[in-house]
Amino acid sequence: MKPEKKTTDFVKKIREVSSEINLKLSRIKPEHFVMKTPIGNIYAVVSSKGLQELKKTCEDVKPPKGIFGRHVRDQLKEYFAKKRTCFDVKLDLQGTDFQKKVWKELQKIPHGSMATYGYIAQRVGNPKAARAIGSANHNNPVAIIVPCHRVVGAKGHLVGYAGGLDMKAYLLQLEGALLV
């Protein structure tokens, strides 16, 4: 058998195995867990591709079973203990192209900093879209990890946070961006 034929067969086999693995991973049910934090219990959903959802809940604590869920939990614990200033968890975000573009831009706001809705609108190439930025923030499925709490009104006022302005103020104070 020619070396080129062996290489071609090998590459073909690798592609087949890779496709099979991806298919199996796509069938894995997302993991759900609940963790206790200083802002209340947080419900999380992680898929084989990454974190899909974080939101406050009244549900009882339910520890993560999988390694990725534990990784998310550990990074959030470090954040609330002021030992983490950025997250490196994989994300599996569902949204429109515009929302994903906004959420990607939010991740560029440094820990301990704030940006206005207008500034984010300029950064995504649509300077008149401040209200649309607010809507994308409101629909952010992984607040804290994608830090929509760092976005403030044009004059630096705390406005519009799905978790409530008290939580927004708490997170900004935790990061040192907002003085008490």
C-alpha atoms as a PDB file:
ATOM      1  CA  MET A   1       0.000   0.000   0.000  1.00  0.00           C
ATOM      2  CA  LYS A   2       1.300   3.438  -0.904  1.00  0.00           C
ATOM      3  CA  PRO A   3       2.109   5.895   1.939  1.00  0.00           C
ATOM      4  CA  GLU A   4      -0.364   8.441   0.492  1.00  0.00           C
ATOM      5  CA  LYS A   5      -3.151   5.839   0.655  1.00  0.00           C
ATOM      6  CA  LYS A   6      -2.307   5.031   4.302  1.00  0.00           C
ATOM      7  CA  THR A   7      -2.375   8.736   5.193  1.00  0.00           C
ATOM      8  CA  THR A   8      -5.682   9.254   3.400  1.00  0.00           C
ATOM      9  CA  ASP A   9      -7.230   6.216   5.130  1.00  0.00           C
ATOM     10  CA  PHE A  10      -5.917   7.377   8.504  1.00  0.00           C
ATOM     11  CA  VAL A  11      -7.316  10.904   8.056  1.00  0.00           C
ATOM     12  CA  LYS A  12     -10.652   9.452   6.936  1.00  0.00           C
ATOM     13  CA  LYS A  13     -10.799   7.223  10.045  1.00  0.00           C
ATOM     14  CA  ILE A  14      -9.924  10.173  12.338  1.00  0.00           C
ATOM     15  CA  ARG A  15     -12.762  12.209  10.800  1.00  0.00           C
ATOM     16  CA  GLU A  16     -15.221   9.338  11.269  1.00  0.00           C
ATOM     17  CA  VAL A  17     -14.247   8.875  14.927  1.00  0.00           C
ATOM     18  CA  SER A  18     -14.363  12.608  15.541  1.00  0.00           C
ATOM     19  CA  SER A  19     -17.858  12.839  14.036  1.00  0.00           C
ATOM     20  CA  GLU A  20     -19.001   9.922  16.171  1.00  0.00           C
ATOM     21  CA  ILE A  21     -17.621  11.537  19.349  1.00  0.00           C
ATOM     22  CA  ASN A  22     -19.281  14.865  18.523  1.00  0.00           C
ATOM     23  CA  LEU A  23     -22.588  13.091  17.902  1.00  0.00           C
ATOM     24  CA  LYS A  24     -22.349  11.286  21.265  1.00  0.00           C
ATOM     25  CA  LEU A  25     -21.439  14.536  23.062  1.00  0.00           C
ATOM     26  CA  SER A  26     -24.424  16.311  21.517  1.00  0.00           C
ATOM     27  CA  ARG A  27     -26.709  13.651  23.025  1.00  0.00           C
ATOM     28  CA  ILE A  28     -25.426  14.140  26.586  1.00  0.00           C
ATOM     29  CA  LYS A  29     -28.085  15.760  28.715  1.00  0.00           C
ATOM     30  CA  PRO A  30     -27.118  19.111  30.193  1.00  0.00           C
ATOM     31  CA  GLU A  31     -26.220  19.053  33.889  1.00  0.00           C
ATOM     32  CA  HIS A  32     -28.210  21.207  36.291  1.00  0.00           C
ATOM     33  CA  PHE A  33     -26.918  22.245  39.692  1.00  0.00           C
ATOM     34  CA  VAL A  34     -27.618  24.837  42.384  1.00  0.00           C
ATOM     35  CA  MET A  35     -24.961  26.556  44.463  1.00  0.00           C
ATOM     36  CA  LYS A  36     -25.093  28.897  47.424  1.00  0.00           C
ATOM     37  CA  THR A  37     -23.576  32.369  46.928  1.00  0.00           C
ATOM     38  CA  PRO A  38     -23.616  35.684  48.832  1.00  0.00           C
ATOM     39  CA  ILE A  39     -26.387  36.890  46.484  1.00  0.00           C
ATOM     40  CA  GLY A  40     -28.537  33.804  47.038  1.00  0.00           C
ATOM     41  CA  ASN A  41     -28.691  30.409  45.413  1.00  0.00           C
ATOM     42  CA  ILE A  42     -27.732  30.233  41.764  1.00  0.00           C
ATOM     43  CA  TYR A  43     -29.096  27.659  39.323  1.00  0.00           C
ATOM     44  CA  ALA A  44     -26.688  26.643  36.557  1.00  0.00           C
ATOM     45  CA  VAL A  45     -26.994  24.585  33.387  1.00  0.00           C
ATOM     46  CA  VAL A  46     -23.916  23.196  31.670  1.00  0.00           C
ATOM     47  CA  SER A  47     -23.889  21.255  28.415  1.00  0.00           C
ATOM     48  CA  SER A  48     -21.094  19.276  26.821  1.00  0.00           C
ATOM     49  CA  LYS A  49     -20.192  22.507  24.987  1.00  0.00           C
ATOM     50  CA  GLY A  50     -20.153  24.884  27.963  1.00  0.00           C
ATOM     51  CA  LEU A  51     -22.149  26.952  30.424  1.00  0.00           C
ATOM     52  CA  GLN A  52     -25.639  27.740  29.125  1.00  0.00           C
ATOM     53  CA  GLU A  53     -27.422  29.424  31.996  1.00  0.00           C
ATOM     54  CA  LEU A  54     -26.956  31.056  35.413  1.00  0.00           C
ATOM     55  CA  LYS A  55     -29.851  32.551  37.341  1.00  0.00           C
ATOM     56  CA  LYS A  56     -31.015  33.156  40.874  1.00  0.00           C
ATOM     57  CA  THR A  57     -33.302  30.518  42.320  1.00  0.00           C
ATOM     58  CA  CYS A  58     -35.109  29.520  45.498  1.00  0.00           C
ATOM     59  CA  GLU A  59     -34.226  25.862  44.893  1.00  0.00           C
ATOM     60  CA  ASP A  60     -32.137  23.977  47.425  1.00  0.00           C
ATOM     61  CA  VAL A  61     -28.424  23.479  46.895  1.00  0.00           C
ATOM     62  CA  LYS A  62     -27.625  20.583  44.568  1.00  0.00           C
ATOM     63  CA  PRO A  63     -23.876  20.094  43.988  1.00  0.00           C
ATOM     64  CA  PRO A  64     -22.577  19.595  40.455  1.00  0.00           C
ATOM     65  CA  LYS A  65     -21.637  16.021  39.547  1.00  0.00           C
ATOM     66  CA  GLY A  66     -19.595  16.594  36.411  1.00  0.00           C
ATOM     67  CA  ILE A  67     -16.140  18.063  36.148  1.00  0.00           C
ATOM     68  CA  PHE A  68     -17.327  21.030  34.081  1.00  0.00           C
ATOM     69  CA  GLY A  69     -20.067  21.888  36.576  1.00  0.00           C
ATOM     70  CA  ARG A  70     -17.506  21.763  39.397  1.00  0.00           C
ATOM     71  CA  HIS A  71     -15.220  24.013  37.360  1.00  0.00           C
ATOM     72  CA  VAL A  72     -18.008  26.620  36.991  1.00  0.00           C
ATOM     73  CA  ARG A  73     -18.901  26.350  40.696  1.00  0.00           C
ATOM     74  CA  ASP A  74     -15.255  26.735  41.767  1.00  0.00           C
ATOM     75  CA  GLN A  75     -14.719  29.811  39.597  1.00  0.00           C
ATOM     76  CA  LEU A  76     -17.869  31.466  40.967  1.00  0.00           C
ATOM     77  CA  LYS A  77     -16.762  30.703  44.540  1.00  0.00           C
ATOM     78  CA  GLU A  78     -13.378  32.289  43.801  1.00  0.00           C
ATOM     79  CA  TYR A  79     -15.097  35.338  42.289  1.00  0.00           C
ATOM     80  CA  PHE A  80     -17.282  35.894  45.356  1.00  0.00           C
ATOM     81  CA  ALA A  81     -14.207  35.397  47.596  1.00  0.00           C
ATOM     82  CA  LYS A  82     -12.424  38.155  45.610  1.00  0.00           C
ATOM     83  CA  LYS A  83      -9.822  35.660  44.367  1.00  0.00           C
ATOM     84  CA  ARG A  84     -10.884  35.712  40.698  1.00  0.00           C
ATOM     85  CA  THR A  85     -11.202  38.680  38.369  1.00  0.00           C
ATOM     86  CA  CYS A  86     -11.988  36.880  35.114  1.00  0.00           C
ATOM     87  CA  PHE A  87     -13.555  33.610  34.072  1.00  0.00           C
ATOM     88  CA  ASP A  88     -12.242  31.026  31.656  1.00  0.00           C
ATOM     89  CA  VAL A  89     -15.209  28.660  31.531  1.00  0.00           C
ATOM     90  CA  LYS A  90     -16.443  27.620  28.105  1.00  0.00           C
ATOM     91  CA  LEU A  91     -19.779  29.115  27.136  1.00  0.00           C
ATOM     92  CA  ASP A  92     -22.626  27.600  25.133  1.00  0.00           C
ATOM     93  CA  LEU A  93     -24.758  30.709  24.656  1.00  0.00           C
ATOM     94  CA  GLN A  94     -28.030  30.684  22.767  1.00  0.00           C
ATOM     95  CA  GLY A  95     -29.132  33.994  21.272  1.00  0.00           C
ATOM     96  CA  THR A  96     -29.286  36.137  18.166  1.00  0.00           C
ATOM     97  CA  ASP A  97     -26.124  37.147  16.346  1.00  0.00           C
ATOM     98  CA  PHE A  98     -26.543  40.674  17.735  1.00  0.00           C
ATOM     99  CA  GLN A  99     -26.926  39.405  21.315  1.00  0.00           C
ATOM    100  CA  LYS A 100     -23.848  37.210  20.973  1.00  0.00           C
ATOM    101  CA  LYS A 101     -21.887  40.168  19.623  1.00  0.00           C
ATOM    102  CA  VAL A 102     -22.952  42.285  22.629  1.00  0.00           C
ATOM    103  CA  TRP A 103     -22.169  39.494  25.105  1.00  0.00           C
ATOM    104  CA  LYS A 104     -18.720  39.072  23.567  1.00  0.00           C
ATOM    105  CA  GLU A 105     -18.118  42.816  23.985  1.00  0.00           C
ATOM    106  CA  LEU A 106     -19.266  42.723  27.620  1.00  0.00           C
ATOM    107  CA  GLN A 107     -16.551  40.177  28.356  1.00  0.00           C
ATOM    108  CA  LYS A 108     -13.976  42.817  27.403  1.00  0.00           C
ATOM    109  CA  ILE A 109     -15.027  45.186  30.218  1.00  0.00           C
ATOM    110  CA  PRO A 110     -12.295  44.728  32.826  1.00  0.00           C
ATOM    111  CA  HIS A 111     -13.072  43.592  36.359  1.00  0.00           C
ATOM    112  CA  GLY A 112     -13.613  46.655  38.547  1.00  0.00           C
ATOM    113  CA  SER A 113     -14.595  48.835  35.589  1.00  0.00           C
ATOM    114  CA  MET A 114     -17.849  50.052  34.110  1.00  0.00           C
ATOM    115  CA  ALA A 115     -18.977  51.032  30.614  1.00  0.00           C
ATOM    116  CA  THR A 116     -22.092  52.799  29.383  1.00  0.00           C
ATOM    117  CA  TYR A 117     -24.744  51.325  27.124  1.00  0.00           C
ATOM    118  CA  GLY A 118     -23.739  53.938  24.540  1.00  0.00           C
ATOM    119  CA  TYR A 119     -20.096  52.872  24.686  1.00  0.00           C
ATOM    120  CA  ILE A 120     -21.020  49.220  24.125  1.00  0.00           C
ATOM    121  CA  ALA A 121     -23.289  50.282  21.241  1.00  0.00           C
ATOM    122  CA  GLN A 122     -20.313  52.044  19.621  1.00  0.00           C
ATOM    123  CA  ARG A 123     -18.082  49.019  20.196  1.00  0.00           C
ATOM    124  CA  VAL A 124     -20.519  46.716  18.380  1.00  0.00           C
ATOM    125  CA  GLY A 125     -20.708  49.149  15.455  1.00  0.00           C
ATOM    126  CA  ASN A 126     -24.160  50.617  16.084  1.00  0.00           C
ATOM    127  CA  PRO A 127     -23.802  53.867  18.095  1.00  0.00           C
ATOM    128  CA  LYS A 128     -27.566  54.481  18.258  1.00  0.00           C
ATOM    129  CA  ALA A 129     -28.370  51.039  19.655  1.00  0.00           C
ATOM    130  CA  ALA A 130     -28.066  51.764  23.402  1.00  0.00           C
ATOM    131  CA  ARG A 131     -31.591  50.435  24.045  1.00  0.00           C
ATOM    132  CA  ALA A 132     -30.867  47.290  22.041  1.00  0.00           C
ATOM    133  CA  ILE A 133     -27.746  46.821  24.176  1.00  0.00           C
ATOM    134  CA  GLY A 134     -29.998  47.002  27.236  1.00  0.00           C
ATOM    135  CA  SER A 135     -32.255  44.357  25.747  1.00  0.00           C
ATOM    136  CA  ALA A 136     -29.306  42.070  24.989  1.00  0.00           C
ATOM    137  CA  ASN A 137     -28.077  42.577  28.566  1.00  0.00           C
ATOM    138  CA  HIS A 138     -31.507  41.715  29.910  1.00  0.00           C
ATOM    139  CA  ASN A 139     -31.435  38.455  27.924  1.00  0.00           C
ATOM    140  CA  ASN A 140     -27.888  37.538  28.975  1.00  0.00           C
ATOM    141  CA  PRO A 141     -28.244  33.920  30.154  1.00  0.00           C
ATOM    142  CA  VAL A 142     -25.003  33.863  32.147  1.00  0.00           C
ATOM    143  CA  ALA A 143     -24.872  37.113  34.098  1.00  0.00           C
ATOM    144  CA  ILE A 144     -21.747  37.513  36.253  1.00  0.00           C
ATOM    145  CA  ILE A 145     -19.701  35.320  33.878  1.00  0.00           C
ATOM    146  CA  VAL A 146     -20.685  37.649  31.013  1.00  0.00           C
ATOM    147  CA  PRO A 147     -20.603  40.801  33.147  1.00  0.00           C
ATOM    148  CA  CYS A 148     -23.675  42.780  32.129  1.00  0.00           C
ATOM    149  CA  HIS A 149     -23.669  44.278  35.653  1.00  0.00           C
ATOM    150  CA  ARG A 150     -20.710  46.434  34.551  1.00  0.00           C
ATOM    151  CA  VAL A 151     -22.899  48.379  32.104  1.00  0.00           C
ATOM    152  CA  VAL A 152     -24.348  51.637  33.448  1.00  0.00           C
ATOM    153  CA  GLY A 153     -26.405  54.558  32.197  1.00  0.00           C
ATOM    154  CA  ALA A 154     -24.944  57.495  30.252  1.00  0.00           C
ATOM    155  CA  LYS A 155     -24.243  59.502  33.421  1.00  0.00           C
ATOM    156  CA  GLY A 156     -22.854  56.556  35.357  1.00  0.00           C
ATOM    157  CA  HIS A 157     -26.142  55.747  37.084  1.00  0.00           C
ATOM    158  CA  LEU A 158     -27.095  52.192  37.917  1.00  0.00           C
ATOM    159  CA  VAL A 159     -29.948  51.305  35.601  1.00  0.00           C
ATOM    160  CA  GLY A 160     -31.549  48.156  34.249  1.00  0.00           C
ATOM    161  CA  TYR A 161     -30.333  44.902  35.706  1.00  0.00           C
ATOM    162  CA  ALA A 162     -32.425  41.746  35.450  1.00  0.00           C
ATOM    163  CA  GLY A 163     -31.236  40.654  38.912  1.00  0.00           C
ATOM    164  CA  GLY A 164     -32.241  43.986  40.411  1.00  0.00           C
ATOM    165  CA  LEU A 165     -30.268  47.144  41.114  1.00  0.00           C
ATOM    166  CA  ASP A 166     -29.315  45.964  44.611  1.00  0.00           C
ATOM    167  CA  MET A 167     -27.569  42.946  43.122  1.00  0.00           C
ATOM    168  CA  LYS A 168     -25.916  45.100  40.453  1.00  0.00           C
ATOM    169  CA  ALA A 169     -24.609  47.452  43.161  1.00  0.00           C
ATOM    170  CA  TYR A 170     -23.399  44.485  45.243  1.00  0.00           C
ATOM    171  CA  LEU A 171     -21.452  43.005  42.303  1.00  0.00           C
ATOM    172  CA  LEU A 172     -19.895  46.358  41.398  1.00  0.00           C
ATOM    173  CA  GLN A 173     -18.914  46.938  45.048  1.00  0.00           C
ATOM    174  CA  LEU A 174     -17.463  43.423  45.221  1.00  0.00           C
ATOM    175  CA  GLU A 175     -15.268  44.284  42.225  1.00  0.00           C
ATOM    176  CA  GLY A 176     -14.318  47.691  43.626  1.00  0.00           C
ATOM    177  CA  ALA A 177     -15.965  49.570  40.762  1.00  0.00           C
ATOM    178  CA  LEU A 178     -18.555  51.230  42.970  1.00  0.00           C
ATOM    179  CA  LEU A 179     -17.733  52.980  46.205  1.00  0.00           C
ATOM    180  CA  VAL A 180     -20.063  52.446  49.146  1.00  0.00           C
END
